[in-house]
Amino acid sequence: MKESLSIIVPCFNEEHVIPEFYRRLHAVLETMTCSSQIIFINDGSRDTSYTLLQDIARKDLSVKLISFSRNFGHQKAVTAGINYCTTDFALIIDADLQDPPELIPQILETLKREEAQVVYCIRTDRQGETPFKKWSAKMFYRCLNFFSEIDLPVDTGDFRLIDRSVIREFNRLQEKGKYIRGLVPWIGFKQVPFYYEREPRFAGETKYPLSKMVKLASTSMSYFSKKPLTLATSLGFFSVGLALVYGLWSLLGKLFGFTHADSGWTSLVLLIVFFGGIQLITIGIMGTYIGNLFDEVKNRPEYIVEETVNFSDSEQEDMEKPRQGTKRNRRKSYLL
């Protein structure tokens, strides 16, 4: 039986890159022997991205479109693509052309040659990015790996190829705050690297400014490790120990005359600020975990689909089956 491949492409305000991305990706897929389809996820775009994607789907029936009711975020869009995928393999790639579509045949060949279930792509160079962005990304991945309870590959994004076994296990995961770059390694199976140079963004602006990067880092840390809680506890014990040492030093100083109880306002203020800071840090760490619990127990759907395009009846029936954490609206599903 002929193997099948899905290309999962989340899109948010990508009107400047979608035509060129589709042209290059379509040219690559035409050279491959396996059957293929492209799943675009319109993540509540406010520009003409939705119209462009509809036009592409109208001309090419192998292009499928999932359109959200609003912007739910990049990780939710990738999750939807995996949830809707029915092929043997799925490759996740952004539309900004920083990850070259021309590498797809080599990545698929790597997976087959290594008899692996996952090929994760490691960036050996990040062209077109500022030194701060490169440095912060490098530090983020290494800090996350230090705090994580599993071994996470560094310098990798969502650009990766997964097979059906990983897709099936991923769709069983029920948490809402998914960090896909961590969940795929958590699932396990044989995972191998593929090294490449990341190209500059073709056009438009990055959809991951500093604020979103900080939010992603917070989610990844709190969902993949309890070490921050352990760190907060350690800070608490350290504070108590420091206070005891300072108290003993003050007492001995009073007895032996090498310090004065009526002086030391500066040290007193510094101690108050120090211990107050530790308390706030500890409360903040606990608050992050409690906030995640609050989001989970509300049991809201991860995303809401307003419409789907070019999905067959059998695919629609499969998608209508209840799945934890998603909400679909079949009334706007149609073929172009």
Protein backbone atom coordinates (compact mmCIF):
# COMPACT_ATOMS: atom_id res chain seq x y z
CA MET A 1 0.00 0.00 0.00
CA LYS A 2 1.28 3.46 -0.90
CA GLU A 3 2.53 5.50 2.04
CA SER A 4 0.90 8.83 2.83
CA LEU A 5 2.27 12.07 4.23
CA SER A 6 0.60 15.14 5.73
CA ILE A 7 2.30 18.53 5.91
CA ILE A 8 0.93 20.45 8.90
CA VAL A 9 1.24 24.22 8.47
CA PRO A 10 -0.03 26.65 11.16
CA CYS A 11 -0.70 30.14 9.78
CA PHE A 12 -1.35 33.43 11.54
CA ASN A 13 -1.24 36.62 9.45
CA GLU A 14 1.08 35.12 6.82
CA GLU A 15 -0.34 36.76 3.69
CA HIS A 16 3.13 37.78 2.49
CA VAL A 17 4.59 34.26 2.54
CA ILE A 18 1.71 31.85 1.80
CA PRO A 19 1.88 32.00 -2.04
CA GLU A 20 5.65 31.43 -2.17
CA PHE A 21 5.50 28.79 0.56
CA TYR A 22 2.82 26.83 -1.28
CA ARG A 23 4.69 27.10 -4.58
CA ARG A 24 7.91 25.69 -3.11
CA LEU A 25 6.17 23.03 -1.02
CA HIS A 26 3.98 21.87 -3.93
CA ALA A 27 7.06 21.57 -6.17
CA VAL A 28 8.74 19.36 -3.56
CA LEU A 29 5.72 17.11 -3.00
CA GLU A 30 5.35 16.53 -6.75
CA THR A 31 8.78 14.89 -6.82
CA MET A 32 7.96 12.43 -4.03
CA THR A 33 6.58 8.94 -4.58
CA CYS A 34 4.30 8.85 -1.54
CA SER A 35 0.82 10.35 -1.61
CA SER A 36 0.67 13.67 0.19
CA GLN A 37 -1.64 16.36 1.46
CA ILE A 38 -1.19 19.77 3.03
CA ILE A 39 -3.17 20.72 6.14
CA PHE A 40 -3.21 24.49 6.64
CA ILE A 41 -4.51 25.76 9.99
CA ASN A 42 -5.77 29.33 9.87
CA ASP A 43 -5.21 30.47 13.45
CA GLY A 44 -7.62 33.40 13.44
CA SER A 45 -5.67 35.47 10.91
CA ARG A 46 -6.72 39.11 10.58
CA ASP A 47 -5.16 39.74 7.17
CA THR A 48 -5.92 38.04 3.84
CA SER A 49 -4.35 34.71 4.82
CA TYR A 50 -7.73 32.98 5.03
CA THR A 51 -8.74 34.13 1.55
CA LEU A 52 -5.41 33.03 0.09
CA LEU A 53 -5.71 29.62 1.70
CA GLN A 54 -9.25 29.21 0.41
CA ASP A 55 -8.09 30.05 -3.12
CA ILE A 56 -5.30 27.47 -2.88
CA ALA A 57 -7.69 24.81 -1.57
CA ARG A 58 -10.13 25.56 -4.38
CA LYS A 59 -7.45 24.88 -7.00
CA ASP A 60 -5.77 21.95 -5.24
CA LEU A 61 -8.00 19.35 -3.56
CA SER A 62 -5.02 17.83 -1.77
CA VAL A 63 -4.87 21.02 0.27
CA LYS A 64 -7.06 20.92 3.38
CA LEU A 65 -7.95 23.90 5.51
CA ILE A 66 -8.88 24.12 9.18
CA SER A 67 -10.02 27.57 10.26
CA PHE A 68 -10.28 28.55 13.94
CA SER A 69 -13.01 30.79 15.32
CA ARG A 70 -10.28 33.09 16.69
CA ASN A 71 -6.55 33.12 17.38
CA PHE A 72 -5.76 30.30 19.82
CA GLY A 73 -1.97 30.21 19.40
CA HIS A 74 0.71 28.34 17.49
CA GLN A 75 0.80 25.22 19.68
CA LYS A 76 -2.99 24.86 19.49
CA ALA A 77 -2.84 25.13 15.70
CA VAL A 78 -0.19 22.41 15.46
CA THR A 79 -2.26 20.27 17.84
CA ALA A 80 -5.29 20.63 15.57
CA GLY A 81 -3.24 19.58 12.55
CA ILE A 82 -2.08 16.44 14.34
CA ASN A 83 -5.61 15.72 15.60
CA TYR A 84 -6.98 15.91 12.06
CA CYS A 85 -4.16 13.92 10.47
CA THR A 86 -5.04 10.45 9.13
CA THR A 87 -1.88 9.67 7.13
CA ASP A 88 1.11 7.42 7.87
CA PHE A 89 3.44 10.37 8.51
CA ALA A 90 3.07 14.00 9.49
CA LEU A 91 5.61 16.78 9.11
CA ILE A 92 5.21 20.02 11.06
CA ILE A 93 6.57 23.15 9.39
CA ASP A 94 5.92 26.89 9.67
CA ALA A 95 4.92 28.94 6.63
CA ASP A 96 7.64 31.58 7.01
CA LEU A 97 10.16 29.52 4.94
CA GLN A 98 12.81 29.63 7.64
CA ASP A 99 12.59 25.83 7.55
CA PRO A 100 13.16 24.94 3.87
CA PRO A 101 10.47 22.64 2.38
CA GLU A 102 13.15 21.22 0.05
CA LEU A 103 14.51 19.23 3.02
CA ILE A 104 11.34 17.12 3.38
CA PRO A 105 12.48 14.20 1.15
CA GLN A 106 15.78 13.98 3.06
CA ILE A 107 13.98 14.03 6.41
CA LEU A 108 11.61 11.25 5.31
CA GLU A 109 14.55 9.24 4.02
CA THR A 110 16.33 9.69 7.37
CA LEU A 111 13.31 8.33 9.24
CA LYS A 112 13.13 5.24 7.03
CA ARG A 113 16.89 4.63 6.99
CA GLU A 114 17.16 4.87 10.77
CA GLU A 115 13.91 2.92 11.27
CA ALA A 116 12.81 5.67 13.63
CA GLN A 117 9.43 7.09 14.59
CA VAL A 118 10.55 10.73 14.93
CA VAL A 119 13.06 12.93 13.13
CA TYR A 120 13.63 16.22 14.96
CA CYS A 121 15.44 18.97 13.09
CA ILE A 122 18.35 20.70 14.85
CA ARG A 123 19.38 24.20 13.77
CA THR A 124 23.13 24.43 13.25
CA ASP A 125 22.75 28.10 12.29
CA ARG A 126 19.94 30.64 12.64
CA GLN A 127 20.32 33.10 9.76
CA GLY A 128 18.61 36.47 9.85
CA GLU A 129 18.15 36.56 13.63
CA THR A 130 19.60 39.04 16.10
CA PRO A 131 22.42 38.04 18.47
CA PHE A 132 20.03 38.48 21.41
CA LYS A 133 17.48 36.12 19.84
CA LYS A 134 20.15 33.50 19.19
CA TRP A 135 21.59 33.82 22.69
CA SER A 136 18.19 33.76 24.45
CA ALA A 137 17.04 30.74 22.43
CA LYS A 138 20.27 28.90 23.24
CA MET A 139 19.92 29.63 26.95
CA PHE A 140 16.21 28.73 26.96
CA TYR A 141 16.69 25.25 25.52
CA ARG A 142 19.57 24.47 27.88
CA CYS A 143 17.74 25.75 30.95
CA LEU A 144 14.64 23.80 29.97
CA ASN A 145 16.72 20.66 29.54
CA PHE A 146 18.28 21.22 32.97
CA PHE A 147 14.92 21.60 34.70
CA SER A 148 13.08 18.95 32.68
CA GLU A 149 12.62 15.45 34.00
CA ILE A 150 13.21 14.01 30.53
CA ASP A 151 16.01 14.61 28.02
CA LEU A 152 14.87 17.25 25.53
CA PRO A 153 16.92 17.89 22.36
CA VAL A 154 18.37 21.40 22.28
CA ASP A 155 18.18 23.92 19.40
CA THR A 156 15.06 22.32 17.95
CA GLY A 157 11.71 23.84 17.07
CA ASP A 158 8.47 22.24 15.94
CA PHE A 159 10.01 21.34 12.55
CA ARG A 160 9.93 17.54 12.76
CA LEU A 161 8.55 14.38 11.18
CA ILE A 162 6.46 11.89 13.17
CA ASP A 163 4.93 8.57 12.17
CA ARG A 164 1.50 7.11 12.86
CA SER A 165 2.43 5.55 16.20
CA VAL A 166 3.47 8.95 17.58
CA ILE A 167 0.38 10.63 16.12
CA ARG A 168 -1.84 8.05 17.80
CA GLU A 169 -0.19 8.49 21.20
CA PHE A 170 -0.16 12.29 20.88
CA ASN A 171 -3.91 12.32 20.30
CA ARG A 172 -4.39 10.50 23.61
CA LEU A 173 -2.80 13.33 25.59
CA GLN A 174 -5.42 15.40 27.37
CA GLU A 175 -3.60 18.39 28.85
CA LYS A 176 -4.56 21.76 27.41
CA GLY A 177 -1.26 23.63 27.72
CA LYS A 178 0.67 21.53 25.24
CA TYR A 179 4.34 22.20 24.58
CA ILE A 180 4.81 20.01 21.52
CA ARG A 181 8.61 20.27 21.43
CA GLY A 182 8.59 18.57 24.83
CA LEU A 183 5.63 16.22 24.41
CA VAL A 184 7.04 14.42 21.37
CA PRO A 185 10.27 13.45 23.21
CA TRP A 186 8.13 12.50 26.23
CA ILE A 187 6.12 10.05 24.10
CA GLY A 188 9.31 8.14 23.38
CA PHE A 189 10.01 5.65 20.56
CA LYS A 190 13.15 5.99 18.47
CA GLN A 191 13.94 9.62 17.71
CA VAL A 192 16.87 10.76 15.58
CA PRO A 193 18.28 14.21 14.69
CA PHE A 194 18.48 15.93 11.32
CA TYR A 195 20.88 18.89 11.11
CA TYR A 196 20.18 21.91 8.91
CA GLU A 197 20.77 25.65 8.57
CA ARG A 198 17.73 27.77 9.28
CA GLU A 199 17.14 30.43 6.64
CA PRO A 200 16.01 34.04 7.19
CA ARG A 201 12.30 34.71 7.25
CA PHE A 202 11.02 35.13 3.66
CA ALA A 203 8.72 38.08 4.45
CA GLY A 204 6.52 39.55 7.14
CA GLU A 205 7.21 39.72 10.86
CA THR A 206 7.90 37.06 13.46
CA LYS A 207 4.84 35.76 15.30
CA TYR A 208 6.91 35.02 18.39
CA PRO A 209 7.89 38.36 20.00
CA LEU A 210 9.60 38.43 23.38
CA SER A 211 6.29 38.36 25.32
CA LYS A 212 5.15 35.16 23.59
CA MET A 213 8.58 33.60 24.02
CA VAL A 214 8.41 34.28 27.77
CA LYS A 215 4.92 32.76 27.94
CA LEU A 216 6.08 29.70 26.01
CA ALA A 217 9.06 29.34 28.35
CA SER A 218 6.80 29.55 31.40
CA THR A 219 4.45 26.91 29.98
CA SER A 220 7.26 24.55 29.06
CA MET A 221 8.95 24.88 32.46
CA SER A 222 5.82 24.37 34.54
CA TYR A 223 4.37 21.55 32.44
CA PHE A 224 7.57 19.53 32.14
CA SER A 225 9.22 19.83 35.50
CA LYS A 226 8.52 20.07 39.22
CA LYS A 227 12.07 21.25 39.83
CA PRO A 228 11.04 24.93 40.15
CA LEU A 229 8.93 23.93 43.17
CA THR A 230 11.93 22.10 44.60
CA LEU A 231 14.02 25.19 43.94
CA ALA A 232 11.48 27.34 45.79
CA THR A 233 11.63 24.98 48.77
CA SER A 234 15.43 25.09 48.70
CA LEU A 235 15.34 28.89 48.69
CA GLY A 236 13.08 28.75 51.72
CA PHE A 237 15.48 26.52 53.66
CA PHE A 238 18.38 28.69 52.57
CA SER A 239 16.59 31.78 53.87
CA VAL A 240 15.88 30.14 57.23
CA GLY A 241 19.50 29.00 57.49
CA LEU A 242 20.78 32.45 56.64
CA ALA A 243 18.48 34.02 59.23
CA LEU A 244 19.69 31.59 61.91
CA VAL A 245 23.33 32.32 61.09
CA TYR A 246 22.69 36.06 61.17
CA GLY A 247 20.80 35.74 64.46
CA LEU A 248 23.64 33.73 66.01
CA TRP A 249 26.19 36.25 64.75
CA SER A 250 24.19 39.12 66.26
CA LEU A 251 23.86 37.32 69.61
CA LEU A 252 27.57 36.53 69.84
CA GLY A 253 28.40 40.06 68.75
CA LYS A 254 26.25 41.44 71.57
CA LEU A 255 27.92 39.14 74.13
CA PHE A 256 31.51 39.70 73.01
CA GLY A 257 31.18 43.28 71.86
CA PHE A 258 32.17 43.05 68.19
CA THR A 259 28.80 44.39 66.99
CA HIS A 260 26.17 46.82 68.26
CA ALA A 261 22.44 46.09 68.43
CA ASP A 262 21.51 49.72 67.84
CA SER A 263 23.28 49.90 64.45
CA GLY A 264 22.94 48.08 61.16
CA TRP A 265 19.94 49.71 59.53
CA THR A 266 21.38 49.04 56.06
CA SER A 267 21.85 45.34 56.74
CA LEU A 268 18.35 45.15 58.23
CA VAL A 269 16.76 46.69 55.15
CA LEU A 270 18.78 44.40 52.85
CA LEU A 271 17.66 41.34 54.81
CA ILE A 272 14.01 42.40 54.64
CA VAL A 273 14.27 42.95 50.88
CA PHE A 274 16.13 39.66 50.41
CA PHE A 275 13.65 37.53 52.35
CA GLY A 276 10.69 39.38 50.84
CA GLY A 277 12.04 38.70 47.36
CA ILE A 278 12.43 35.00 48.09
CA GLN A 279 8.87 34.85 49.38
CA LEU A 280 7.52 36.57 46.27
CA ILE A 281 9.51 34.28 43.98
CA THR A 282 8.20 31.23 45.82
CA ILE A 283 4.60 32.48 45.68
CA GLY A 284 5.02 33.26 41.97
CA ILE A 285 6.30 29.76 41.19
CA MET A 286 3.46 28.16 43.13
CA GLY A 287 1.00 30.53 41.45
CA THR A 288 2.16 29.39 38.01
CA TYR A 289 1.47 25.76 38.85
CA ILE A 290 -1.88 26.61 40.45
CA GLY A 291 -2.80 28.63 37.35
CA ASN A 292 -2.03 25.62 35.16
CA LEU A 293 -4.24 23.45 37.38
CA PHE A 294 -7.00 26.07 37.12
CA ASP A 295 -6.81 26.01 33.32
CA GLU A 296 -6.93 22.21 33.26
CA VAL A 297 -9.87 21.73 35.63
CA LYS A 298 -12.01 24.20 33.66
CA ASN A 299 -11.84 21.59 30.88
CA ARG A 300 -12.35 24.12 28.11
CA PRO A 301 -11.55 22.96 24.56
CA GLU A 302 -8.05 23.62 23.30
CA TYR A 303 -9.43 25.25 20.17
CA ILE A 304 -12.70 25.81 18.34
CA VAL A 305 -12.92 25.06 14.62
CA GLU A 306 -15.21 27.36 12.66
CA GLU A 307 -14.93 25.44 9.39
CA THR A 308 -12.98 22.81 7.52
CA VAL A 309 -12.34 22.58 3.78
CA ASN A 310 -11.62 19.58 1.52
CA PHE A 311 -12.04 16.89 4.16
CA SER A 312 -13.85 13.78 2.89
CA ASP A 313 -16.99 12.33 4.51
CA SER A 314 -15.03 9.52 6.13
CA GLU A 315 -12.54 12.01 7.54
CA GLN A 316 -15.41 14.14 8.80
CA GLU A 317 -16.96 11.15 10.56
CA ASP A 318 -13.67 10.36 12.22
CA MET A 319 -13.24 13.98 13.30
CA GLU A 320 -16.76 14.05 14.74
CA LYS A 321 -15.83 11.33 17.22
CA PRO A 322 -15.50 12.84 20.70
CA ARG A 323 -11.94 13.75 21.57
CA GLN A 324 -10.92 15.30 24.86
CA GLY A 325 -10.12 19.00 24.72
CA THR A 326 -11.43 19.89 21.25
CA LYS A 327 -14.57 21.42 19.83
CA ARG A 328 -15.63 21.20 16.20
CA ASN A 329 -18.40 22.71 14.16
CA ARG A 330 -19.38 20.48 11.26
CA ARG A 331 -21.98 22.86 9.92
CA LYS A 332 -19.24 24.70 8.03
CA SER A 333 -17.37 21.72 6.62
CA TYR A 334 -17.36 21.49 2.87
CA LEU A 335 -15.46 20.52 -0.26
CA LEU A 336 -14.36 23.19 -2.72
